[in-house]
């Protein structure tokens, strides 16, 4: 005689269908997911705050004091760079 907890379909294939739900395992999974979400949230906001702290408030403002803008055209340039020089610098800096 077959035990009452075995179904005839599963018993014919030799499989016992017992589903055991472990409360400890689900608690650990839930705690892991909560900690993962919390750590992700803290890292994202930490990087965002750090990025805002590093970037100047207005990077395009006029320099003050003895500062100079170095990306403008100068009147005392020795020679105008050729296309090959500009291309070489482009690949050298990787821009």
PDB file of N, CA and C in Angstrom:
ATOM      1  N   UNK A   1       0.836  -1.179   0.000  1.00  0.00           N
ATOM      2  CA  UNK A   1       0.000   0.000   0.000  1.00  0.00           C
ATOM      3  C   UNK A   1       0.884   1.248   0.000  1.00  0.00           C
ATOM      4  N   UNK A   2       0.495   2.278  -0.784  1.00  0.00           N
ATOM      5  CA  UNK A   2       1.266   3.502  -0.899  1.00  0.00           C
ATOM      6  C   UNK A   2       0.937   4.436   0.260  1.00  0.00           C
ATOM      7  N   UNK A   3       1.937   5.192   0.712  1.00  0.00           N
ATOM      8  CA  UNK A   3       1.645   6.197   1.737  1.00  0.00           C
ATOM      9  C   UNK A   3       0.679   7.240   1.170  1.00  0.00           C
ATOM     10  N   UNK A   4      -0.172   7.854   1.985  1.00  0.00           N
ATOM     11  CA  UNK A   4      -1.184   8.787   1.486  1.00  0.00           C
ATOM     12  C   UNK A   4      -0.596  10.098   0.959  1.00  0.00           C
ATOM     13  N   UNK A   5       0.635  10.433   1.328  1.00  0.00           N
ATOM     14  CA  UNK A   5       1.215  11.690   0.873  1.00  0.00           C
ATOM     15  C   UNK A   5       1.863  11.588  -0.491  1.00  0.00           C
ATOM     16  N   UNK A   6       1.912  10.419  -1.055  1.00  0.00           N
ATOM     17  CA  UNK A   6       2.480  10.247  -2.387  1.00  0.00           C
ATOM     18  C   UNK A   6       1.365  10.278  -3.423  1.00  0.00           C
ATOM     19  N   UNK A   7       1.608  11.031  -4.475  1.00  0.00           N
ATOM     20  CA  UNK A   7       0.613  11.019  -5.549  1.00  0.00           C
ATOM     21  C   UNK A   7       0.952   9.889  -6.503  1.00  0.00           C
ATOM     22  N   UNK A   8      -0.037   9.424  -7.206  1.00  0.00           N
ATOM     23  CA  UNK A   8       0.197   8.286  -8.090  1.00  0.00           C
ATOM     24  C   UNK A   8       1.081   8.670  -9.278  1.00  0.00           C
ATOM     25  N   UNK A   9       0.964   9.920  -9.780  1.00  0.00           N
ATOM     26  CA  UNK A   9       1.804  10.340 -10.900  1.00  0.00           C
ATOM     27  C   UNK A   9       3.270  10.422 -10.505  1.00  0.00           C
ATOM     28  N   UNK A  10       3.531  11.028  -9.358  1.00  0.00           N
ATOM     29  CA  UNK A  10       4.910  11.179  -8.915  1.00  0.00           C
ATOM     30  C   UNK A  10       5.501   9.872  -8.421  1.00  0.00           C
ATOM     31  N   UNK A  11       4.681   9.027  -7.858  1.00  0.00           N
ATOM     32  CA  UNK A  11       5.183   7.754  -7.339  1.00  0.00           C
ATOM     33  C   UNK A  11       5.600   6.833  -8.476  1.00  0.00           C
ATOM     34  N   UNK A  12       4.913   6.947  -9.611  1.00  0.00           N
ATOM     35  CA  UNK A  12       5.285   6.110 -10.748  1.00  0.00           C
ATOM     36  C   UNK A  12       6.663   6.485 -11.285  1.00  0.00           C
ATOM     37  N   UNK A  13       7.024   7.775 -11.195  1.00  0.00           N
ATOM     38  CA  UNK A  13       8.318   8.222 -11.701  1.00  0.00           C
ATOM     39  C   UNK A  13       9.417   8.143 -10.644  1.00  0.00           C
ATOM     40  N   UNK A  14       9.087   7.763  -9.451  1.00  0.00           N
ATOM     41  CA  UNK A  14      10.079   7.635  -8.411  1.00  0.00           C
ATOM     42  C   UNK A  14      10.459   8.952  -7.760  1.00  0.00           C
ATOM     43  N   UNK A  15       9.591   9.969  -7.825  1.00  0.00           N
ATOM     44  CA  UNK A  15       9.870  11.282  -7.262  1.00  0.00           C
ATOM     45  C   UNK A  15       8.938  11.513  -6.091  1.00  0.00           C
ATOM     46  N   UNK A  16       9.479  11.966  -5.006  1.00  0.00           N
ATOM     47  CA  UNK A  16       8.671  12.310  -3.843  1.00  0.00           C
ATOM     48  C   UNK A  16       8.535  13.823  -3.821  1.00  0.00           C
ATOM     49  N   UNK A  17       7.324  14.319  -3.799  1.00  0.00           N
ATOM     50  CA  UNK A  17       7.067  15.764  -3.843  1.00  0.00           C
ATOM     51  C   UNK A  17       6.810  16.274  -2.441  1.00  0.00           C
ATOM     52  N   UNK A  18       7.863  16.661  -1.779  1.00  0.00           N
ATOM     53  CA  UNK A  18       7.753  17.285  -0.466  1.00  0.00           C
ATOM     54  C   UNK A  18       8.353  18.679  -0.567  1.00  0.00           C
ATOM     55  N   UNK A  19       7.578  19.666  -0.227  1.00  0.00           N
ATOM     56  CA  UNK A  19       8.061  21.038  -0.256  1.00  0.00           C
ATOM     57  C   UNK A  19       8.250  21.490   1.174  1.00  0.00           C
ATOM     58  N   UNK A  20       9.499  21.766   1.511  1.00  0.00           N
ATOM     59  CA  UNK A  20       9.811  22.217   2.858  1.00  0.00           C
ATOM     60  C   UNK A  20      10.277  23.661   2.740  1.00  0.00           C
ATOM     61  N   UNK A  21       9.582  24.544   3.445  1.00  0.00           N
ATOM     62  CA  UNK A  21       9.955  25.949   3.454  1.00  0.00           C
ATOM     63  C   UNK A  21      10.660  26.236   4.764  1.00  0.00           C
ATOM     64  N   UNK A  22      11.918  26.626   4.661  1.00  0.00           N
ATOM     65  CA  UNK A  22      12.696  26.929   5.845  1.00  0.00           C
ATOM     66  C   UNK A  22      12.565  28.417   6.152  1.00  0.00           C
ATOM     67  N   UNK A  23      12.073  28.735   7.329  1.00  0.00           N
ATOM     68  CA  UNK A  23      11.901  30.130   7.731  1.00  0.00           C
ATOM     69  C   UNK A  23      13.263  30.811   7.879  1.00  0.00           C
ATOM     70  N   UNK A  24      14.259  30.106   8.373  1.00  0.00           N
ATOM     71  CA  UNK A  24      15.588  30.689   8.534  1.00  0.00           C
ATOM     72  C   UNK A  24      16.194  31.061   7.178  1.00  0.00           C
ATOM     73  N   UNK A  25      16.019  30.173   6.214  1.00  0.00           N
ATOM     74  CA  UNK A  25      16.564  30.445   4.886  1.00  0.00           C
ATOM     75  C   UNK A  25      15.891  31.672   4.273  1.00  0.00           C
ATOM     76  N   UNK A  26      14.579  31.795   4.369  1.00  0.00           N
ATOM     77  CA  UNK A  26      13.880  32.952   3.816  1.00  0.00           C
ATOM     78  C   UNK A  26      14.225  34.224   4.578  1.00  0.00           C
ATOM     79  N   UNK A  27      14.435  34.102   5.887  1.00  0.00           N
ATOM     80  CA  UNK A  27      14.842  35.269   6.680  1.00  0.00           C
ATOM     81  C   UNK A  27      16.228  35.743   6.237  1.00  0.00           C
ATOM     82  N   UNK A  28      17.166  34.818   6.020  1.00  0.00           N
ATOM     83  CA  UNK A  28      18.504  35.191   5.567  1.00  0.00           C
ATOM     84  C   UNK A  28      18.468  35.820   4.187  1.00  0.00           C
ATOM     85  N   UNK A  29      17.642  35.278   3.301  1.00  0.00           N
ATOM     86  CA  UNK A  29      17.519  35.862   1.968  1.00  0.00           C
ATOM     87  C   UNK A  29      16.946  37.272   2.025  1.00  0.00           C
ATOM     88  N   UNK A  30      15.916  37.445   2.833  1.00  0.00           N
ATOM     89  CA  UNK A  30      15.304  38.778   2.965  1.00  0.00           C
ATOM     90  C   UNK A  30      16.293  39.764   3.582  1.00  0.00           C
ATOM     91  N   UNK A  31      17.028  39.325   4.605  1.00  0.00           N
ATOM     92  CA  UNK A  31      18.019  40.202   5.231  1.00  0.00           C
ATOM     93  C   UNK A  31      19.125  40.559   4.240  1.00  0.00           C
ATOM     94  N   UNK A  32      19.554  39.606   3.429  1.00  0.00           N
ATOM     95  CA  UNK A  32      20.570  39.874   2.418  1.00  0.00           C
ATOM     96  C   UNK A  32      20.068  40.889   1.399  1.00  0.00           C
ATOM     97  N   UNK A  33      18.851  40.722   0.933  1.00  0.00           N
ATOM     98  CA  UNK A  33      18.289  41.653  -0.049  1.00  0.00           C
ATOM     99  C   UNK A  33      18.156  43.053   0.535  1.00  0.00           C
ATOM    100  N   UNK A  34      17.722  43.147   1.785  1.00  0.00           N
ATOM    101  CA  UNK A  34      17.594  44.461   2.429  1.00  0.00           C
ATOM    102  C   UNK A  34      18.958  45.115   2.574  1.00  0.00           C
ATOM    103  N   UNK A  35      19.955  44.356   3.007  1.00  0.00           N
ATOM    104  CA  UNK A  35      21.309  44.903   3.131  1.00  0.00           C
ATOM    105  C   UNK A  35      21.896  45.290   1.772  1.00  0.00           C
ATOM    106  N   UNK A  36      21.611  44.518   0.731  1.00  0.00           N
ATOM    107  CA  UNK A  36      22.095  44.837  -0.602  1.00  0.00           C
ATOM    108  C   UNK A  36      21.478  46.143  -1.111  1.00  0.00           C
ATOM    109  N   UNK A  37      20.182  46.313  -0.923  1.00  0.00           N
ATOM    110  CA  UNK A  37      19.515  47.544  -1.349  1.00  0.00           C
ATOM    111  C   UNK A  37      20.043  48.728  -0.550  1.00  0.00           C
ATOM    112  N   UNK A  38      20.211  48.544   0.743  1.00  0.00           N
ATOM    113  CA  UNK A  38      20.724  49.622   1.593  1.00  0.00           C
ATOM    114  C   UNK A  38      22.155  50.015   1.204  1.00  0.00           C
ATOM    115  N   UNK A  39      23.006  49.035   0.981  1.00  0.00           N
ATOM    116  CA  UNK A  39      24.390  49.332   0.589  1.00  0.00           C
ATOM    117  C   UNK A  39      24.442  50.005  -0.784  1.00  0.00           C
ATOM    118  N   UNK A  40      23.595  49.573  -1.700  1.00  0.00           N
ATOM    119  CA  UNK A  40      23.543  50.207  -3.017  1.00  0.00           C
ATOM    120  C   UNK A  40      23.100  51.656  -2.907  1.00  0.00           C
ATOM    121  N   UNK A  41      22.091  51.901  -2.100  1.00  0.00           N
ATOM    122  CA  UNK A  41      21.582  53.257  -1.893  1.00  0.00           C
ATOM    123  C   UNK A  41      22.658  54.156  -1.282  1.00  0.00           C
ATOM    124  N   UNK A  42      23.366  53.661  -0.283  1.00  0.00           N
ATOM    125  CA  UNK A  42      24.411  54.444   0.375  1.00  0.00           C
ATOM    126  C   UNK A  42      25.564  54.733  -0.594  1.00  0.00           C
ATOM    127  N   UNK A  43      25.985  53.727  -1.365  1.00  0.00           N
ATOM    128  CA  UNK A  43      27.076  53.943  -2.318  1.00  0.00           C
ATOM    129  C   UNK A  43      26.686  54.932  -3.408  1.00  0.00           C
ATOM    130  N   UNK A  44      25.467  54.815  -3.930  1.00  0.00           N
ATOM    131  CA  UNK A  44      25.028  55.714  -4.998  1.00  0.00           C
ATOM    132  C   UNK A  44      24.994  57.152  -4.495  1.00  0.00           C
ATOM    133  N   UNK A  45      24.376  57.365  -3.357  1.00  0.00           N
ATOM    134  CA  UNK A  45      24.283  58.728  -2.830  1.00  0.00           C
ATOM    135  C   UNK A  45      25.642  59.252  -2.375  1.00  0.00           C
ATOM    136  N   UNK A  46      26.494  58.379  -1.862  1.00  0.00           N
ATOM    137  CA  UNK A  46      27.843  58.802  -1.483  1.00  0.00           C
ATOM    138  C   UNK A  46      28.648  59.258  -2.682  1.00  0.00           C
ATOM    139  N   UNK A  47      28.563  58.523  -3.780  1.00  0.00           N
ATOM    140  CA  UNK A  47      29.273  58.929  -4.996  1.00  0.00           C
ATOM    141  C   UNK A  47      28.684  60.211  -5.568  1.00  0.00           C
ATOM    142  N   UNK A  48      27.375  60.373  -5.468  1.00  0.00           N
ATOM    143  CA  UNK A  48      26.740  61.591  -5.979  1.00  0.00           C
ATOM    144  C   UNK A  48      27.180  62.803  -5.171  1.00  0.00           C
ATOM    145  N   UNK A  49      27.217  62.688  -3.844  1.00  0.00           N
ATOM    146  CA  UNK A  49      27.652  63.793  -2.984  1.00  0.00           C
ATOM    147  C   UNK A  49      29.124  64.101  -3.225  1.00  0.00           C
ATOM    148  N   UNK A  50      29.941  63.067  -3.352  1.00  0.00           N
ATOM    149  CA  UNK A  50      31.369  63.268  -3.624  1.00  0.00           C
ATOM    150  C   UNK A  50      31.572  63.966  -4.965  1.00  0.00           C
ATOM    151  N   UNK A  51      30.795  63.580  -5.975  1.00  0.00           N
ATOM    152  CA  UNK A  51      30.899  64.225  -7.283  1.00  0.00           C
ATOM    153  C   UNK A  51      30.490  65.681  -7.240  1.00  0.00           C
ATOM    154  N   UNK A  52      29.460  66.009  -6.476  1.00  0.00           N
ATOM    155  CA  UNK A  52      29.046  67.406  -6.342  1.00  0.00           C
ATOM    156  C   UNK A  52      30.076  68.215  -5.569  1.00  0.00           C
ATOM    157  N   UNK A  53      30.770  67.577  -4.650  1.00  0.00           N
ATOM    158  CA  UNK A  53      31.777  68.279  -3.854  1.00  0.00           C
ATOM    159  C   UNK A  53      33.014  68.579  -4.703  1.00  0.00           C
ATOM    160  N   UNK A  54      33.364  67.663  -5.614  1.00  0.00           N
ATOM    161  CA  UNK A  54      34.566  67.829  -6.428  1.00  0.00           C
ATOM    162  C   UNK A  54      34.369  68.872  -7.527  1.00  0.00           C
ATOM    163  N   UNK A  55      33.224  68.859  -8.190  1.00  0.00           N
ATOM    164  CA  UNK A  55      32.982  69.761  -9.320  1.00  0.00           C
ATOM    165  C   UNK A  55      32.842  71.188  -8.811  1.00  0.00           C
ATOM    166  N   UNK A  56      33.527  72.144  -9.438  1.00  0.00           N
ATOM    167  CA  UNK A  56      33.378  73.536  -9.017  1.00  0.00           C
ATOM    168  C   UNK A  56      31.961  74.034  -9.297  1.00  0.00           C
ATOM    169  N   UNK A  57      31.544  75.052  -8.559  1.00  0.00           N
ATOM    170  CA  UNK A  57      30.176  75.537  -8.697  1.00  0.00           C
ATOM    171  C   UNK A  57      29.920  76.111 -10.082  1.00  0.00           C
ATOM    172  N   UNK A  58      30.845  76.872 -10.627  1.00  0.00           N
ATOM    173  CA  UNK A  58      30.706  77.432 -11.974  1.00  0.00           C
ATOM    174  C   UNK A  58      32.041  77.301 -12.689  1.00  0.00           C
ATOM    175  N   UNK A  59      32.251  76.240 -13.465  1.00  0.00           N
ATOM    176  CA  UNK A  59      33.560  76.035 -14.080  1.00  0.00           C
ATOM    177  C   UNK A  59      33.872  77.031 -15.198  1.00  0.00           C
ATOM    178  N   UNK A  60      32.879  77.770 -15.693  1.00  0.00           N
ATOM    179  CA  UNK A  60      33.108  78.677 -16.816  1.00  0.00           C
ATOM    180  C   UNK A  60      33.147  80.146 -16.403  1.00  0.00           C
ATOM    181  N   UNK A  61      33.281  80.415 -15.113  1.00  0.00           N
ATOM    182  CA  UNK A  61      33.325  81.802 -14.664  1.00  0.00           C
ATOM    183  C   UNK A  61      34.670  82.436 -15.043  1.00  0.00           C
ATOM    184  N   UNK A  62      34.714  83.736 -15.062  1.00  0.00           N
ATOM    185  CA  UNK A  62      35.930  84.471 -15.399  1.00  0.00           C
ATOM    186  C   UNK A  62      36.924  84.300 -14.260  1.00  0.00           C
ATOM    187  N   UNK A  63      38.190  83.957 -14.563  1.00  0.00           N
ATOM    188  CA  UNK A  63      39.183  83.797 -13.506  1.00  0.00           C
ATOM    189  C   UNK A  63      39.411  85.107 -12.754  1.00  0.00           C
ATOM    190  N   UNK A  64      39.701  84.971 -11.479  1.00  0.00           N
ATOM    191  CA  UNK A  64      39.920  86.154 -10.642  1.00  0.00           C
ATOM    192  C   UNK A  64      41.361  86.177 -10.167  1.00  0.00           C
ATOM    193  N   UNK A  65      41.843  87.353  -9.836  1.00  0.00           N
ATOM    194  CA  UNK A  65      43.202  87.494  -9.315  1.00  0.00           C
ATOM    195  C   UNK A  65      44.237  87.308 -10.407  1.00  0.00           C
ATOM    196  N   UNK A  66      45.283  86.547 -10.110  1.00  0.00           N
ATOM    197  CA  UNK A  66      46.384  86.349 -11.050  1.00  0.00           C
ATOM    198  C   UNK A  66      46.162  85.142 -11.951  1.00  0.00           C
ATOM    199  N   UNK A  67      44.947  84.553 -11.929  1.00  0.00           N
ATOM    200  CA  UNK A  67      44.672  83.370 -12.746  1.00  0.00           C
ATOM    201  C   UNK A  67      44.537  83.756 -14.211  1.00  0.00           C
ATOM    202  N   UNK A  68      44.892  82.829 -15.076  1.00  0.00           N
ATOM    203  CA  UNK A  68      44.799  83.051 -16.515  1.00  0.00           C
ATOM    204  C   UNK A  68      43.978  81.941 -17.143  1.00  0.00           C
ATOM    205  N   UNK A  69      43.266  82.279 -18.205  1.00  0.00           N
ATOM    206  CA  UNK A  69      42.600  81.242 -18.992  1.00  0.00           C
ATOM    207  C   UNK A  69      43.636  80.711 -19.972  1.00  0.00           C
ATOM    208  N   UNK A  70      43.838  79.418 -19.974  1.00  0.00           N
ATOM    209  CA  UNK A  70      44.904  78.846 -20.790  1.00  0.00           C
ATOM    210  C   UNK A  70      44.399  78.270 -22.099  1.00  0.00           C
ATOM    211  N   UNK A  71      43.108  78.252 -22.343  1.00  0.00           N
ATOM    212  CA  UNK A  71      42.616  77.635 -23.559  1.00  0.00           C
ATOM    213  C   UNK A  71      42.260  78.666 -24.633  1.00  0.00           C
ATOM    214  N   UNK A  72      42.554  79.916 -24.419  1.00  0.00           N
ATOM    215  CA  UNK A  72      42.284  80.941 -25.416  1.00  0.00           C
ATOM    216  C   UNK A  72      43.415  81.046 -26.421  1.00  0.00           C
ATOM    217  N   UNK A  73      43.197  81.820 -27.469  1.00  0.00           N
ATOM    218  CA  UNK A  73      44.263  82.022 -28.450  1.00  0.00           C
ATOM    219  C   UNK A  73      45.212  83.088 -27.926  1.00  0.00           C
ATOM    220  N   UNK A  74      46.474  82.862 -28.101  1.00  0.00           N
ATOM    221  CA  UNK A  74      47.459  83.817 -27.608  1.00  0.00           C
ATOM    222  C   UNK A  74      48.071  84.575 -28.782  1.00  0.00           C
ATOM    223  N   UNK A  75      48.455  85.807 -28.537  1.00  0.00           N
ATOM    224  CA  UNK A  75      49.044  86.627 -29.596  1.00  0.00           C
ATOM    225  C   UNK A  75      50.535  86.360 -29.752  1.00  0.00           C
ATOM    226  N   UNK A  76      51.144  85.677 -28.803  1.00  0.00           N
ATOM    227  CA  UNK A  76      52.582  85.448 -28.863  1.00  0.00           C
ATOM    228  C   UNK A  76      52.916  84.003 -29.222  1.00  0.00           C
ATOM    229  N   UNK A  77      52.048  83.323 -29.924  1.00  0.00           N
ATOM    230  CA  UNK A  77      52.311  81.943 -30.328  1.00  0.00           C
ATOM    231  C   UNK A  77      53.439  81.930 -31.360  1.00  0.00           C
ATOM    232  N   UNK A  78      54.326  80.962 -31.258  1.00  0.00           N
ATOM    233  CA  UNK A  78      55.476  80.877 -32.149  1.00  0.00           C
ATOM    234  C   UNK A  78      55.033  80.480 -33.551  1.00  0.00           C
ATOM    235  N   UNK A  79      54.264  79.447 -33.657  1.00  0.00           N
ATOM    236  CA  UNK A  79      53.776  79.030 -34.972  1.00  0.00           C
ATOM    237  C   UNK A  79      52.404  78.373 -34.802  1.00  0.00           C
ATOM    238  N   UNK A  80      51.629  78.418 -35.844  1.00  0.00           N
ATOM    239  CA  UNK A  80      50.308  77.787 -35.841  1.00  0.00           C
ATOM    240  C   UNK A  80      50.515  76.291 -36.069  1.00  0.00           C
ATOM    241  N   UNK A  81      49.932  75.427 -35.240  1.00  0.00           N
ATOM    242  CA  UNK A  81      50.140  73.986 -35.432  1.00  0.00           C
ATOM    243  C   UNK A  81      49.477  73.502 -36.724  1.00  0.00           C
ATOM    244  N   UNK A  82      50.129  72.564 -37.369  1.00  0.00           N
ATOM    245  CA  UNK A  82      49.591  72.003 -38.602  1.00  0.00           C
ATOM    246  C   UNK A  82      48.504  70.989 -38.276  1.00  0.00           C
ATOM    247  N   UNK A  83      47.829  70.536 -39.319  1.00  0.00           N
ATOM    248  CA  UNK A  83      46.789  69.538 -39.128  1.00  0.00           C
ATOM    249  C   UNK A  83      47.371  68.246 -38.548  1.00  0.00           C
ATOM    250  N   UNK A  84      48.541  67.860 -38.993  1.00  0.00           N
ATOM    251  CA  UNK A  84      49.185  66.638 -38.493  1.00  0.00           C
ATOM    252  C   UNK A  84      49.538  66.784 -37.011  1.00  0.00           C
ATOM    253  N   UNK A  85      50.010  67.980 -36.598  1.00  0.00           N
ATOM    254  CA  UNK A  85      50.319  68.203 -35.180  1.00  0.00           C
ATOM    255  C   UNK A  85      49.055  68.118 -34.330  1.00  0.00           C
ATOM    256  N   UNK A  86      47.992  68.728 -34.828  1.00  0.00           N
ATOM    257  CA  UNK A  86      46.736  68.692 -34.079  1.00  0.00           C
ATOM    258  C   UNK A  86      46.202  67.274 -33.982  1.00  0.00           C
ATOM    259  N   UNK A  87      46.311  66.496 -35.075  1.00  0.00           N
ATOM    260  CA  UNK A  87      45.852  65.111 -35.057  1.00  0.00           C
ATOM    261  C   UNK A  87      46.690  64.268 -34.111  1.00  0.00           C
ATOM    262  N   UNK A  88      48.000  64.482 -34.100  1.00  0.00           N
ATOM    263  CA  UNK A  88      48.888  63.759 -33.202  1.00  0.00           C
ATOM    264  C   UNK A  88      48.527  64.063 -31.738  1.00  0.00           C
ATOM    265  N   UNK A  89      48.286  65.332 -31.430  1.00  0.00           N
ATOM    266  CA  UNK A  89      47.884  65.689 -30.074  1.00  0.00           C
ATOM    267  C   UNK A  89      46.534  65.099 -29.695  1.00  0.00           C
ATOM    268  N   UNK A  90      45.639  65.041 -30.670  1.00  0.00           N
ATOM    269  CA  UNK A  90      44.316  64.455 -30.426  1.00  0.00           C
ATOM    270  C   UNK A  90      44.454  63.000 -30.005  1.00  0.00           C
ATOM    271  N   UNK A  91      45.250  62.213 -30.732  1.00  0.00           N
ATOM    272  CA  UNK A  91      45.439  60.808 -30.390  1.00  0.00           C
ATOM    273  C   UNK A  91      46.314  60.636 -29.143  1.00  0.00           C
ATOM    274  N   UNK A  92      47.226  61.555 -28.909  1.00  0.00           N
ATOM    275  CA  UNK A  92      48.096  61.456 -27.751  1.00  0.00           C
ATOM    276  C   UNK A  92      47.293  61.639 -26.453  1.00  0.00           C
ATOM    277  N   UNK A  93      46.425  62.646 -26.432  1.00  0.00           N
ATOM    278  CA  UNK A  93      45.606  62.892 -25.244  1.00  0.00           C
ATOM    279  C   UNK A  93      44.407  61.965 -25.151  1.00  0.00           C
ATOM    280  N   UNK A  94      44.026  61.349 -26.241  1.00  0.00           N
ATOM    281  CA  UNK A  94      42.924  60.408 -26.224  1.00  0.00           C
ATOM    282  C   UNK A  94      41.565  61.061 -26.124  1.00  0.00           C
ATOM    283  N   UNK A  95      41.427  62.255 -26.646  1.00  0.00           N
ATOM    284  CA  UNK A  95      40.139  62.947 -26.562  1.00  0.00           C
ATOM    285  C   UNK A  95      39.261  62.598 -27.740  1.00  0.00           C
TER     286      UNK A  95
END
